[in-house]
PDB file of N, CA and C in Angstrom:
ATOM      1  N   MET A   1      88.897 105.282 100.383  1.00  0.00           N
ATOM      2  CA  MET A   1      87.627 105.781  99.894  1.00  0.00           C
ATOM      3  C   MET A   1      87.183 106.949 100.770  1.00  0.00           C
ATOM      4  N   PRO A   2      86.777 108.029 100.162  1.00  0.00           N
ATOM      5  CA  PRO A   2      86.330 109.169 100.957  1.00  0.00           C
ATOM      6  C   PRO A   2      85.049 108.846 101.728  1.00  0.00           C
ATOM      7  N   SER A   3      84.919 109.484 102.856  1.00  0.00           N
ATOM      8  CA  SER A   3      83.699 109.322 103.645  1.00  0.00           C
ATOM      9  C   SER A   3      83.334 110.662 104.270  1.00  0.00           C
ATOM     10  N   MET A   4      82.078 110.790 104.650  1.00  0.00           N
ATOM     11  CA  MET A   4      81.637 112.006 105.324  1.00  0.00           C
ATOM     12  C   MET A   4      82.098 111.958 106.779  1.00  0.00           C
ATOM     13  N   PRO A   5      82.289 113.109 107.406  1.00  0.00           N
ATOM     14  CA  PRO A   5      82.653 113.122 108.823  1.00  0.00           C
ATOM     15  C   PRO A   5      81.595 112.417 109.673  1.00  0.00           C
ATOM     16  N   THR A   6      82.006 111.892 110.799  1.00  0.00           N
ATOM     17  CA  THR A   6      81.120 111.212 111.728  1.00  0.00           C
ATOM     18  C   THR A   6      79.920 112.099 112.056  1.00  0.00           C
ATOM     19  N   ASP A   7      78.749 111.492 112.105  1.00  0.00           N
ATOM     20  CA  ASP A   7      77.482 112.149 112.426  1.00  0.00           C
ATOM     21  C   ASP A   7      76.974 113.101 111.344  1.00  0.00           C
ATOM     22  N   CYS A   8      77.620 113.142 110.194  1.00  0.00           N
ATOM     23  CA  CYS A   8      77.123 113.926 109.061  1.00  0.00           C
ATOM     24  C   CYS A   8      76.502 112.942 108.080  1.00  0.00           C
ATOM     25  N   ASN A   9      75.216 113.098 107.849  1.00  0.00           N
ATOM     26  CA  ASN A   9      74.465 112.169 107.019  1.00  0.00           C
ATOM     27  C   ASN A   9      74.817 112.366 105.552  1.00  0.00           C
ATOM     28  N   ASP A  10      75.399 111.344 104.947  1.00  0.00           N
ATOM     29  CA  ASP A  10      75.799 111.485 103.546  1.00  0.00           C
ATOM     30  C   ASP A  10      74.613 111.533 102.589  1.00  0.00           C
ATOM     31  N   ASP A  11      73.418 111.218 103.075  1.00  0.00           N
ATOM     32  CA  ASP A  11      72.219 111.370 102.241  1.00  0.00           C
ATOM     33  C   ASP A  11      71.808 112.838 102.116  1.00  0.00           C
ATOM     34  N   GLU A  12      72.320 113.688 103.010  1.00  0.00           N
ATOM     35  CA  GLU A  12      71.951 115.100 103.010  1.00  0.00           C
ATOM     36  C   GLU A  12      73.006 115.983 102.346  1.00  0.00           C
ATOM     37  N   LEU A  13      74.098 115.378 101.919  1.00  0.00           N
ATOM     38  CA  LEU A  13      75.175 116.131 101.283  1.00  0.00           C
ATOM     39  C   LEU A  13      75.428 115.582  99.882  1.00  0.00           C
ATOM     40  N   PRO A  14      75.949 116.402  98.985  1.00  0.00           N
ATOM     41  CA  PRO A  14      76.158 115.945  97.605  1.00  0.00           C
ATOM     42  C   PRO A  14      77.333 114.973  97.477  1.00  0.00           C
ATOM     43  N   TRP A  15      77.230 114.096  96.498  1.00  0.00           N
ATOM     44  CA  TRP A  15      78.317 113.171  96.150  1.00  0.00           C
ATOM     45  C   TRP A  15      78.793 113.420  94.722  1.00  0.00           C
ATOM     46  N   ASN A  16      78.358 114.511  94.117  1.00  0.00           N
ATOM     47  CA  ASN A  16      78.754 114.823  92.738  1.00  0.00           C
ATOM     48  C   ASN A  16      80.247 115.094  92.659  1.00  0.00           C
ATOM     49  N   ARG A  17      80.839 114.715  91.527  1.00  0.00           N
ATOM     50  CA  ARG A  17      82.250 115.008  91.279  1.00  0.00           C
ATOM     51  C   ARG A  17      82.414 116.354  90.591  1.00  0.00           C
ATOM     52  N   THR A  18      81.391 116.779  89.860  1.00  0.00           N
ATOM     53  CA  THR A  18      81.450 118.071  89.172  1.00  0.00           C
ATOM     54  C   THR A  18      80.135 118.815  89.354  1.00  0.00           C
ATOM     55  N   ALA A  19      80.231 120.133  89.377  1.00  0.00           N
ATOM     56  CA  ALA A  19      79.063 121.016  89.460  1.00  0.00           C
ATOM     57  C   ALA A  19      79.558 122.439  89.241  1.00  0.00           C
ATOM     58  N   ASP A  20      78.647 123.342  88.935  1.00  0.00           N
ATOM     59  CA  ASP A  20      79.026 124.745  88.740  1.00  0.00           C
ATOM     60  C   ASP A  20      79.531 125.367  90.036  1.00  0.00           C
ATOM     61  N   ASN A  21      78.969 124.938  91.144  1.00  0.00           N
ATOM     62  CA  ASN A  21      79.343 125.454  92.458  1.00  0.00           C
ATOM     63  C   ASN A  21      80.015 124.330  93.244  1.00  0.00           C
ATOM     64  N   ILE A  22      81.195 124.561  93.770  1.00  0.00           N
ATOM     65  CA  ILE A  22      81.920 123.523  94.512  1.00  0.00           C
ATOM     66  C   ILE A  22      81.111 122.990  95.692  1.00  0.00           C
ATOM     67  N   LEU A  23      80.217 123.809  96.250  1.00  0.00           N
ATOM     68  CA  LEU A  23      79.388 123.358  97.374  1.00  0.00           C
ATOM     69  C   LEU A  23      78.392 122.285  96.961  1.00  0.00           C
ATOM     70  N   ASP A  24      78.215 122.115  95.673  1.00  0.00           N
ATOM     71  CA  ASP A  24      77.331 121.067  95.156  1.00  0.00           C
ATOM     72  C   ASP A  24      78.096 119.804  94.767  1.00  0.00           C
ATOM     73  N   THR A  25      79.375 119.738  95.152  1.00  0.00           N
ATOM     74  CA  THR A  25      80.190 118.540  94.942  1.00  0.00           C
ATOM     75  C   THR A  25      80.539 117.934  96.295  1.00  0.00           C
ATOM     76  N   LYS A  26      81.129 116.766  96.274  1.00  0.00           N
ATOM     77  CA  LYS A  26      81.511 116.076  97.513  1.00  0.00           C
ATOM     78  C   LYS A  26      82.768 116.657  98.155  1.00  0.00           C
ATOM     79  N   TYR A  27      83.580 117.369  97.389  1.00  0.00           N
ATOM     80  CA  TYR A  27      84.928 117.723  97.830  1.00  0.00           C
ATOM     81  C   TYR A  27      85.034 118.573  99.096  1.00  0.00           C
ATOM     82  N   PRO A  28      84.160 119.543  99.345  1.00  0.00           N
ATOM     83  CA  PRO A  28      84.330 120.291 100.592  1.00  0.00           C
ATOM     84  C   PRO A  28      83.875 119.525 101.835  1.00  0.00           C
ATOM     85  N   TYR A  29      83.273 118.358 101.649  1.00  0.00           N
ATOM     86  CA  TYR A  29      82.653 117.644 102.761  1.00  0.00           C
ATOM     87  C   TYR A  29      83.347 116.345 103.162  1.00  0.00           C
ATOM     88  N   VAL A  30      83.948 115.644 102.215  1.00  0.00           N
ATOM     89  CA  VAL A  30      84.466 114.301 102.513  1.00  0.00           C
ATOM     90  C   VAL A  30      85.806 114.323 103.240  1.00  0.00           C
ATOM     91  N   CYS A  31      86.034 113.265 103.985  1.00  0.00           N
ATOM     92  CA  CYS A  31      87.326 113.004 104.615  1.00  0.00           C
ATOM     93  C   CYS A  31      88.047 111.973 103.758  1.00  0.00           C
ATOM     94  N   HIS A  32      89.253 112.273 103.343  1.00  0.00           N
ATOM     95  CA  HIS A  32      90.029 111.320 102.557  1.00  0.00           C
ATOM     96  C   HIS A  32      90.511 110.164 103.433  1.00  0.00           C
ATOM     97  N   ALA A  33      90.907 109.082 102.797  1.00  0.00           N
ATOM     98  CA  ALA A  33      91.352 107.884 103.508  1.00  0.00           C
ATOM     99  C   ALA A  33      92.530 108.183 104.434  1.00  0.00           C
ATOM    100  N   GLU A  34      93.443 109.053 104.000  1.00  0.00           N
ATOM    101  CA  GLU A  34      94.603 109.394 104.834  1.00  0.00           C
ATOM    102  C   GLU A  34      94.154 110.039 106.141  1.00  0.00           C
ATOM    103  N   MET A  35      93.202 110.958 106.049  1.00  0.00           N
ATOM    104  CA  MET A  35      92.686 111.618 107.251  1.00  0.00           C
ATOM    105  C   MET A  35      92.034 110.595 108.173  1.00  0.00           C
ATOM    106  N   ASN A  36      91.209 109.720 107.603  1.00  0.00           N
ATOM    107  CA  ASN A  36      90.555 108.699 108.419  1.00  0.00           C
ATOM    108  C   ASN A  36      91.583 107.785 109.093  1.00  0.00           C
ATOM    109  N   ALA A  37      92.613 107.406 108.374  1.00  0.00           N
ATOM    110  CA  ALA A  37      93.645 106.527 108.950  1.00  0.00           C
ATOM    111  C   ALA A  37      94.367 107.207 110.102  1.00  0.00           C
ATOM    112  N   ILE A  38      94.724 108.478 109.921  1.00  0.00           N
ATOM    113  CA  ILE A  38      95.463 109.204 110.961  1.00  0.00           C
ATOM    114  C   ILE A  38      94.586 109.467 112.181  1.00  0.00           C
ATOM    115  N   LEU A  39      93.354 109.869 111.956  1.00  0.00           N
ATOM    116  CA  LEU A  39      92.472 110.210 113.076  1.00  0.00           C
ATOM    117  C   LEU A  39      91.909 108.983 113.796  1.00  0.00           C
ATOM    118  N   ASN A  40      91.779 107.864 113.090  1.00  0.00           N
ATOM    119  CA  ASN A  40      91.171 106.671 113.677  1.00  0.00           C
ATOM    120  C   ASN A  40      92.192 105.572 113.943  1.00  0.00           C
ATOM    121  N   LYS A  41      93.410 105.943 114.205  1.00  0.00           N
ATOM    122  CA  LYS A  41      94.487 104.974 114.462  1.00  0.00           C
ATOM    123  C   LYS A  41      94.237 104.215 115.754  1.00  0.00           C
ATOM    124  N   ASN A  42      94.912 103.086 115.899  1.00  0.00           N
ATOM    125  CA  ASN A  42      94.783 102.263 117.107  1.00  0.00           C
ATOM    126  C   ASN A  42      96.012 102.398 118.005  1.00  0.00           C
ATOM    127  N   SER A  43      96.620 103.570 118.004  1.00  0.00           N
ATOM    128  CA  SER A  43      97.786 103.818 118.847  1.00  0.00           C
ATOM    129  C   SER A  43      97.771 105.273 119.278  1.00  0.00           C
ATOM    130  N   SER A  44      98.685 105.622 120.159  1.00  0.00           N
ATOM    131  CA  SER A  44      98.702 106.998 120.645  1.00  0.00           C
ATOM    132  C   SER A  44      99.178 107.970 119.575  1.00  0.00           C
ATOM    133  N   ASP A  45     100.042 107.526 118.684  1.00  0.00           N
ATOM    134  CA  ASP A  45     100.488 108.380 117.584  1.00  0.00           C
ATOM    135  C   ASP A  45     100.981 107.524 116.429  1.00  0.00           C
ATOM    136  N   VAL A  46     101.312 108.171 115.343  1.00  0.00           N
ATOM    137  CA  VAL A  46     101.803 107.463 114.159  1.00  0.00           C
ATOM    138  C   VAL A  46     103.203 107.953 113.771  1.00  0.00           C
ATOM    139  N   LYS A  47     103.915 108.512 114.723  1.00  0.00           N
ATOM    140  CA  LYS A  47     105.266 108.988 114.465  1.00  0.00           C
ATOM    141  C   LYS A  47     106.141 107.836 113.960  1.00  0.00           C
ATOM    142  N   LYS A  48     106.912 108.117 112.924  1.00  0.00           N
ATOM    143  CA  LYS A  48     107.833 107.165 112.295  1.00  0.00           C
ATOM    144  C   LYS A  48     107.126 105.983 111.633  1.00  0.00           C
ATOM    145  N   CYS A  49     105.826 106.115 111.352  1.00  0.00           N
ATOM    146  CA  CYS A  49     105.069 105.036 110.708  1.00  0.00           C
ATOM    147  C   CYS A  49     105.050 105.222 109.190  1.00  0.00           C
ATOM    148  N   THR A  50     104.601 104.181 108.519  1.00  0.00           N
ATOM    149  CA  THR A  50     104.369 104.189 107.077  1.00  0.00           C
ATOM    150  C   THR A  50     102.869 104.202 106.839  1.00  0.00           C
ATOM    151  N   ILE A  51     102.420 104.997 105.880  1.00  0.00           N
ATOM    152  CA  ILE A  51     101.018 104.981 105.478  1.00  0.00           C
ATOM    153  C   ILE A  51     100.951 104.393 104.068  1.00  0.00           C
ATOM    154  N   PHE A  52     100.026 103.460 103.872  1.00  0.00           N
ATOM    155  CA  PHE A  52      99.810 102.828 102.574  1.00  0.00           C
ATOM    156  C   PHE A  52      98.513 103.381 101.994  1.00  0.00           C
ATOM    157  N   VAL A  53      98.592 103.934 100.783  1.00  0.00           N
ATOM    158  CA  VAL A  53      97.431 104.555 100.154  1.00  0.00           C
ATOM    159  C   VAL A  53      97.309 104.106  98.702  1.00  0.00           C
ATOM    160  N   GLY A  54      96.096 104.161  98.177  1.00  0.00           N
ATOM    161  CA  GLY A  54      95.884 103.804  96.781  1.00  0.00           C
ATOM    162  C   GLY A  54      96.372 104.896  95.850  1.00  0.00           C
ATOM    163  N   LEU A  55      95.965 106.141  96.123  1.00  0.00           N
ATOM    164  CA  LEU A  55      96.351 107.281  95.298  1.00  0.00           C
ATOM    165  C   LEU A  55      97.372 108.145  96.023  1.00  0.00           C
ATOM    166  N   PHE A  56      98.290 108.734  95.276  1.00  0.00           N
ATOM    167  CA  PHE A  56      99.239 109.676  95.865  1.00  0.00           C
ATOM    168  C   PHE A  56      98.436 110.745  96.604  1.00  0.00           C
ATOM    169  N   PRO A  57      98.834 111.107  97.815  1.00  0.00           N
ATOM    170  CA  PRO A  57      98.049 112.046  98.633  1.00  0.00           C
ATOM    171  C   PRO A  57      97.960 113.448  98.031  1.00  0.00           C
ATOM    172  N   CYS A  58      96.806 114.074  98.230  1.00  0.00           N
ATOM    173  CA  CYS A  58      96.625 115.467  97.826  1.00  0.00           C
ATOM    174  C   CYS A  58      97.372 116.374  98.810  1.00  0.00           C
ATOM    175  N   ASN A  59      97.385 117.671  98.532  1.00  0.00           N
ATOM    176  CA  ASN A  59      98.102 118.615  99.391  1.00  0.00           C
ATOM    177  C   ASN A  59      97.529 118.682 100.800  1.00  0.00           C
ATOM    178  N   GLU A  60      96.208 118.564 100.947  1.00  0.00           N
ATOM    179  CA  GLU A  60      95.611 118.619 102.288  1.00  0.00           C
ATOM    180  C   GLU A  60      96.035 117.392 103.111  1.00  0.00           C
ATOM    181  N   CYS A  61      96.030 116.228 102.483  1.00  0.00           N
ATOM    182  CA  CYS A  61      96.443 115.010 103.182  1.00  0.00           C
ATOM    183  C   CYS A  61      97.946 115.035 103.458  1.00  0.00           C
ATOM    184  N   ALA A  62      98.718 115.620 102.548  1.00  0.00           N
ATOM    185  CA  ALA A  62     100.161 115.729 102.757  1.00  0.00           C
ATOM    186  C   ALA A  62     100.462 116.508 104.037  1.00  0.00           C
ATOM    187  N   LYS A  63      99.710 117.582 104.261  1.00  0.00           N
ATOM    188  CA  LYS A  63      99.927 118.371 105.479  1.00  0.00           C
ATOM    189  C   LYS A  63      99.615 117.549 106.729  1.00  0.00           C
ATOM    190  N   LEU A  64      98.558 116.754 106.676  1.00  0.00           N
ATOM    191  CA  LEU A  64      98.222 115.878 107.808  1.00  0.00           C
ATOM    192  C   LEU A  64      99.303 114.821 108.031  1.00  0.00           C
ATOM    193  N   ILE A  65      99.791 114.255 106.953  1.00  0.00           N
ATOM    194  CA  ILE A  65     100.846 113.232 107.033  1.00  0.00           C
ATOM    195  C   ILE A  65     102.090 113.816 107.685  1.00  0.00           C
ATOM    196  N   ILE A  66     102.499 114.983 107.231  1.00  0.00           N
ATOM    197  CA  ILE A  66     103.691 115.637 107.783  1.00  0.00           C
ATOM    198  C   ILE A  66     103.496 115.959 109.257  1.00  0.00           C
ATOM    199  N   GLN A  67     102.378 116.591 109.593  1.00  0.00           N
ATOM    200  CA  GLN A  67     102.130 117.001 110.982  1.00  0.00           C
ATOM    201  C   GLN A  67     101.991 115.805 111.926  1.00  0.00           C
ATOM    202  N   SER A  68     101.565 114.663 111.421  1.00  0.00           N
ATOM    203  CA  SER A  68     101.373 113.489 112.278  1.00  0.00           C
ATOM    204  C   SER A  68     102.672 112.757 112.582  1.00  0.00           C
ATOM    205  N   GLY A  69     103.727 113.047 111.816  1.00  0.00           N
ATOM    206  CA  GLY A  69     105.009 112.390 112.060  1.00  0.00           C
ATOM    207  C   GLY A  69     105.245 111.142 111.224  1.00  0.00           C
ATOM    208  N   ILE A  70     104.348 110.850 110.293  1.00  0.00           N
ATOM    209  CA  ILE A  70     104.554 109.724 109.383  1.00  0.00           C
ATOM    210  C   ILE A  70     105.803 110.012 108.558  1.00  0.00           C
ATOM    211  N   THR A  71     106.628 108.985 108.336  1.00  0.00           N
ATOM    212  CA  THR A  71     107.898 109.199 107.645  1.00  0.00           C
ATOM    213  C   THR A  71     107.982 108.540 106.270  1.00  0.00           C
ATOM    214  N   ARG A  72     106.958 107.761 105.911  1.00  0.00           N
ATOM    215  CA  ARG A  72     106.998 107.055 104.618  1.00  0.00           C
ATOM    216  C   ARG A  72     105.589 106.914 104.061  1.00  0.00           C
ATOM    217  N   VAL A  73     105.451 107.198 102.763  1.00  0.00           N
ATOM    218  CA  VAL A  73     104.186 107.036 102.062  1.00  0.00           C
ATOM    219  C   VAL A  73     104.397 106.020 100.942  1.00  0.00           C
ATOM    220  N   VAL A  74     103.618 104.947 100.967  1.00  0.00           N
ATOM    221  CA  VAL A  74     103.636 103.959  99.892  1.00  0.00           C
ATOM    222  C   VAL A  74     102.301 104.101  99.169  1.00  0.00           C
ATOM    223  N   TYR A  75     102.362 104.373  97.881  1.00  0.00           N
ATOM    224  CA  TYR A  75     101.157 104.622  97.090  1.00  0.00           C
ATOM    225  C   TYR A  75     101.183 103.756  95.836  1.00  0.00           C
ATOM    226  N   MET A  76     100.009 103.474  95.279  1.00  0.00           N
ATOM    227  CA  MET A  76      99.938 102.696  94.047  1.00  0.00           C
ATOM    228  C   MET A  76      99.890 103.588  92.813  1.00  0.00           C
ATOM    229  N   SER A  77      98.999 104.574  92.797  1.00  0.00           N
ATOM    230  CA  SER A  77      98.782 105.379  91.602  1.00  0.00           C
ATOM    231  C   SER A  77      99.134 106.839  91.850  1.00  0.00           C
ATOM    232  N   ASP A  78      99.734 107.435  90.839  1.00  0.00           N
ATOM    233  CA  ASP A  78     100.046 108.861  90.869  1.00  0.00           C
ATOM    234  C   ASP A  78      99.382 109.523  89.650  1.00  0.00           C
ATOM    235  N   LYS A  79      98.135 109.094  89.364  1.00  0.00           N
ATOM    236  CA  LYS A  79      97.472 109.513  88.132  1.00  0.00           C
ATOM    237  C   LYS A  79      97.130 110.998  88.072  1.00  0.00           C
ATOM    238  N   TYR A  80      97.153 111.686  89.190  1.00  0.00           N
ATOM    239  CA  TYR A  80      96.854 113.114  89.207  1.00  0.00           C
ATOM    240  C   TYR A  80      98.116 113.966  89.365  1.00  0.00           C
ATOM    241  N   GLN A  81      99.269 113.409  89.069  1.00  0.00           N
ATOM    242  CA  GLN A  81     100.542 114.073  89.332  1.00  0.00           C
ATOM    243  C   GLN A  81     100.702 115.452  88.682  1.00  0.00           C
ATOM    244  N   ASP A  82      99.965 115.731  87.624  1.00  0.00           N
ATOM    245  CA  ASP A  82     100.081 117.029  86.947  1.00  0.00           C
ATOM    246  C   ASP A  82      99.124 118.091  87.485  1.00  0.00           C
ATOM    247  N   LYS A  83      98.246 117.712  88.418  1.00  0.00           N
ATOM    248  CA  LYS A  83      97.317 118.684  88.998  1.00  0.00           C
ATOM    249  C   LYS A  83      98.042 119.488  90.090  1.00  0.00           C
ATOM    250  N   PRO A  84      97.716 120.767  90.211  1.00  0.00           N
ATOM    251  CA  PRO A  84      98.422 121.634  91.167  1.00  0.00           C
ATOM    252  C   PRO A  84      98.455 121.107  92.603  1.00  0.00           C
ATOM    253  N   GLU A  85      97.336 120.549  93.087  1.00  0.00           N
ATOM    254  CA  GLU A  85      97.320 120.092  94.481  1.00  0.00           C
ATOM    255  C   GLU A  85      98.237 118.892  94.711  1.00  0.00           C
ATOM    256  N   PHE A  86      98.537 118.147  93.674  1.00  0.00           N
ATOM    257  CA  PHE A  86      99.437 117.000  93.816  1.00  0.00           C
ATOM    258  C   PHE A  86     100.889 117.413  93.598  1.00  0.00           C
ATOM    259  N   ILE A  87     101.104 118.433  92.778  1.00  0.00           N
ATOM    260  CA  ILE A  87     102.439 119.016  92.651  1.00  0.00           C
ATOM    261  C   ILE A  87     102.831 119.634  93.992  1.00  0.00           C
ATOM    262  N   ALA A  88     101.897 120.366  94.607  1.00  0.00           N
ATOM    263  CA  ALA A  88     102.151 120.963  95.923  1.00  0.00           C
ATOM    264  C   ALA A  88     102.395 119.879  96.968  1.00  0.00           C
ATOM    265  N   SER A  89     101.631 118.812  96.906  1.00  0.00           N
ATOM    266  CA  SER A  89     101.785 117.711  97.849  1.00  0.00           C
ATOM    267  C   SER A  89     103.186 117.123  97.780  1.00  0.00           C
ATOM    268  N   ARG A  90     103.633 116.826  96.557  1.00  0.00           N
ATOM    269  CA  ARG A  90     104.968 116.242  96.390  1.00  0.00           C
ATOM    270  C   ARG A  90     106.036 117.195  96.918  1.00  0.00           C
ATOM    271  N   ARG A  91     105.867 118.494  96.654  1.00  0.00           N
ATOM    272  CA  ARG A  91     106.812 119.489  97.174  1.00  0.00           C
ATOM    273  C   ARG A  91     106.874 119.439  98.694  1.00  0.00           C
ATOM    274  N   LEU A  92     105.707 119.461  99.324  1.00  0.00           N
ATOM    275  CA  LEU A  92     105.646 119.458 100.789  1.00  0.00           C
ATOM    276  C   LEU A  92     106.256 118.191 101.376  1.00  0.00           C
ATOM    277  N   LEU A  93     105.846 117.045 100.850  1.00  0.00           N
ATOM    278  CA  LEU A  93     106.332 115.767 101.384  1.00  0.00           C
ATOM    279  C   LEU A  93     107.847 115.631 101.203  1.00  0.00           C
ATOM    280  N   THR A  94     108.352 116.044 100.041  1.00  0.00           N
ATOM    281  CA  THR A  94     109.793 115.981  99.783  1.00  0.00           C
ATOM    282  C   THR A  94     110.540 116.935 100.710  1.00  0.00           C
ATOM    283  N   MET A  95     110.035 118.143 100.852  1.00  0.00           N
ATOM    284  CA  MET A  95     110.660 119.137 101.721  1.00  0.00           C
ATOM    285  C   MET A  95     110.736 118.643 103.167  1.00  0.00           C
ATOM    286  N   ALA A  96     109.699 117.917 103.595  1.00  0.00           N
ATOM    287  CA  ALA A  96     109.637 117.409 104.970  1.00  0.00           C
ATOM    288  C   ALA A  96     110.456 116.126 105.155  1.00  0.00           C
ATOM    289  N   GLY A  97     111.039 115.627 104.078  1.00  0.00           N
ATOM    290  CA  GLY A  97     111.871 114.424 104.192  1.00  0.00           C
ATOM    291  C   GLY A  97     111.082 113.129 104.262  1.00  0.00           C
ATOM    292  N   ILE A  98     109.833 113.147 103.804  1.00  0.00           N
ATOM    293  CA  ILE A  98     109.007 111.945 103.807  1.00  0.00           C
ATOM    294  C   ILE A  98     109.456 111.064 102.646  1.00  0.00           C
ATOM    295  N   LYS A  99     109.702 109.798 102.917  1.00  0.00           N
ATOM    296  CA  LYS A  99     110.088 108.858 101.866  1.00  0.00           C
ATOM    297  C   LYS A  99     108.841 108.495 101.056  1.00  0.00           C
ATOM    298  N   LEU A 100     108.935 108.624  99.735  1.00  0.00           N
ATOM    299  CA  LEU A 100     107.821 108.327  98.833  1.00  0.00           C
ATOM    300  C   LEU A 100     108.183 107.107  98.001  1.00  0.00           C
ATOM    301  N   GLU A 101     107.299 106.132  98.007  1.00  0.00           N
ATOM    302  CA  GLU A 101     107.587 104.877  97.320  1.00  0.00           C
ATOM    303  C   GLU A 101     106.352 104.395  96.578  1.00  0.00           C
ATOM    304  N   GLN A 102     106.492 104.192  95.272  1.00  0.00           N
ATOM    305  CA  GLN A 102     105.369 103.679  94.502  1.00  0.00           C
ATOM    306  C   GLN A 102     105.390 102.153  94.544  1.00  0.00           C
ATOM    307  N   PHE A 103     104.269 101.579  94.952  1.00  0.00           N
ATOM    308  CA  PHE A 103     104.100 100.126  94.998  1.00  0.00           C
ATOM    309  C   PHE A 103     103.690  99.668  93.608  1.00  0.00           C
ATOM    310  N   THR A 104     104.377  98.690  93.106  1.00  0.00           N
ATOM    311  CA  THR A 104     104.017  98.146  91.799  1.00  0.00           C
ATOM    312  C   THR A 104     103.733  96.658  91.939  1.00  0.00           C
ATOM    313  N   THR A 105     102.793  96.200  91.143  1.00  0.00           N
ATOM    314  CA  THR A 105     102.418  94.790  91.148  1.00  0.00           C
ATOM    315  C   THR A 105     101.850  94.424  89.786  1.00  0.00           C
ATOM    316  N   ASN A 106     101.905  93.157  89.471  1.00  0.00           N
ATOM    317  CA  ASN A 106     101.275  92.666  88.244  1.00  0.00           C
ATOM    318  C   ASN A 106      99.851  92.206  88.508  1.00  0.00           C
ATOM    319  N   ASN A 107      99.482  92.116  89.781  1.00  0.00           N
ATOM    320  CA  ASN A 107      98.130  91.677  90.145  1.00  0.00           C
ATOM    321  C   ASN A 107      97.117  92.772  89.835  1.00  0.00           C
ATOM    322  N   THR A 108      95.931  92.368  89.437  1.00  0.00           N
ATOM    323  CA  THR A 108      94.860  93.327  89.155  1.00  0.00           C
ATOM    324  C   THR A 108      93.769  93.286  90.210  1.00  0.00           C
ATOM    325  N   GLN A 109      93.878  92.352  91.158  1.00  0.00           N
ATOM    326  CA  GLN A 109      92.882  92.272  92.217  1.00  0.00           C
ATOM    327  C   GLN A 109      93.490  91.632  93.458  1.00  0.00           C
ATOM    328  N   ILE A 110      92.841  91.883  94.574  1.00  0.00           N
ATOM    329  CA  ILE A 110      93.205  91.265  95.845  1.00  0.00           C
ATOM    330  C   ILE A 110      92.005  90.449  96.294  1.00  0.00           C
ATOM    331  N   VAL A 111      92.213  89.182  96.590  1.00  0.00           N
ATOM    332  CA  VAL A 111      91.130  88.308  97.019  1.00  0.00           C
ATOM    333  C   VAL A 111      91.383  87.908  98.466  1.00  0.00           C
ATOM    334  N   ILE A 112      90.394  88.119  99.306  1.00  0.00           N
ATOM    335  CA  ILE A 112      90.481  87.719 100.707  1.00  0.00           C
ATOM    336  C   ILE A 112      89.526  86.558 100.906  1.00  0.00           C
ATOM    337  N   ASP A 113      90.080  85.410 101.227  1.00  0.00           N
ATOM    338  CA  ASP A 113      89.274  84.209 101.420  1.00  0.00           C
ATOM    339  C   ASP A 113      88.897  84.111 102.893  1.00  0.00           C
ATOM    340  N   LEU A 114      87.696  84.525 103.230  1.00  0.00           N
ATOM    341  CA  LEU A 114      87.243  84.548 104.617  1.00  0.00           C
ATOM    342  C   LEU A 114      86.928  83.155 105.159  1.00  0.00           C
ATOM    343  N   THR A 115      86.792  82.171 104.277  1.00  0.00           N
ATOM    344  CA  THR A 115      86.480  80.819 104.740  1.00  0.00           C
ATOM    345  C   THR A 115      87.627  80.224 105.526  1.00  0.00           C
ATOM    346  N   LYS A 116      88.839  80.701 105.314  1.00  0.00           N
ATOM    347  CA  LYS A 116      90.012  80.165 106.009  1.00  0.00           C
ATOM    348  C   LYS A 116      90.327  80.932 107.300  1.00  0.00           C
ATOM    349  N   LEU A 117      89.548  81.912 107.603  1.00  0.00           N
ATOM    350  CA  LEU A 117      89.808  82.776 108.753  1.00  0.00           C
ATOM    351  C   LEU A 117      89.811  82.012 110.068  1.00  0.00           C
ATOM    352  N   ASN A 118      88.872  81.113 110.266  1.00  0.00           N
ATOM    353  CA  ASN A 118      88.753  80.384 111.539  1.00  0.00           C
ATOM    354  C   ASN A 118      89.223  78.937 111.453  1.00  0.00           C
ATOM    355  N   HIS A 119      89.955  78.591 110.424  1.00  0.00           N
ATOM    356  CA  HIS A 119      90.397  77.200 110.251  1.00  0.00           C
ATOM    357  C   HIS A 119      91.889  77.076 110.320  1.00  0.00           C
TER     358      HIS A 119
END
């Protein structure tokens, strides 16, 4: 899920998906999940790691994935595959030798039972 950068109040920035001016949409402001995962990792680096994402990464996230040393992307949906930024992403990731794997499941939801956490 996209989020605003740390210390940037999301109440003061737009969350619109469409507008006449891109500055009135969320897109120039939000950090994608891939960026948050790479920047907020619990290790010194993510070289040779796998990243699990819901949507196939956009071109901006692809560049971060490549530069961080991640070697495998597991994604669920590639619903934007015909958009230019996702075509570019696939080109970049393939060129860099990143393994791309679509996760498939018959499940429609994930349930986490917190009552069993301490038992």
